[in-house]
Amino acid sequence: MTSLVAPRVFCIGTHHKTGTLWMRAVFRKLAAWMQVPERVVYPSVTGKVIPDDDRIFLFSWSSTFRPAILDLPEVRILHVIRDPRDVLLSGYRYHQHAPRKGEDFLHEPREDLDGLTYQQHLNALPTEAEKMLFEMREKHAQTLGEMLGWNYDRPNGIEVRYEDLIADTSCVAFREHLRNLGLTEAEVGKGVEIFWGNALFGGLARPEDRVERVARHVASGAARQWRDRMPRAIAEAYAEAHGADLVRLGYETHPTNWVEEVRHAA
């Protein structure tokens, strides 16, 4: 990745259940070590967020940065997605017990749910299949829409898949991502150290070493969980509703053939 303008604005974008806690820990700790400011930005924020000359990290955990930011020549963007089927499984499990902090949408009474909150309605559903279908229509559809709405052809973008991150036990790929962001070699080295220290295959390999919030969020962290944990009926429903989206995101070459890989007996 080459540019006539030196990068100084580092945008880190993820989506719900795509490794957000991991990336947040890595880049906030790295920013602190670099003594570079960082902030979360929202589409509703229209004021100035980028300093005139200094470097800054900007975070969006739904990857909804304003185009006016992303289009700047001094911006580099690291964007992370995950197999939507694993996002669905992770989301429906987590949303059954997630606390209010950071997840307000789960705890607000809704008229369309007869006054129940998202979480209350989810937990009241009688079967796991019904819970998955509810999740698929609700928060999952929003997250999938964000991933589909992203521009993957930006020349200043670094596109990363969670599946590759969780397999990057040597940290070789992540090191290159940091270099492509425009960090110095010293900063890259520190970033790799922090990445490994906050990885489920590294510093957090033992469950007892994970802080409470990480422990609540993470059940496995493995890739392609859908093959063993998604019921066949849900896979068929997902293929019908979102099979074409899996192809668009590059996770499948055919919208429905993957259903035959599902090993769940239910």
Foldseek 3Di string as FASTA:
>chain_A
DDAPAFAQEEEEEEEQPQCVVLVVQLVVVLCVVVVAEEDEDDPVDDDDDDDPDHHYYYYYHLPPDDVVVVVDRNYAYEYEYEQLLVSLVLVLQLLLDPDCVVPVQQQAQDVVQVRGGVNVSLVPDDDPLVSSVSSCVPPSVVSLVSVLPDDPPDPRYDYYYLQVLLVPQVCPVVLVVVVSRNDDNVSSVSSSVSSQCSHCVHVVVDVVSDPPVVNSSDDDSHGPPQQEPPDLVSLQVCLVVCLVSCVVSPNDVGSRPCSVSRPYPD
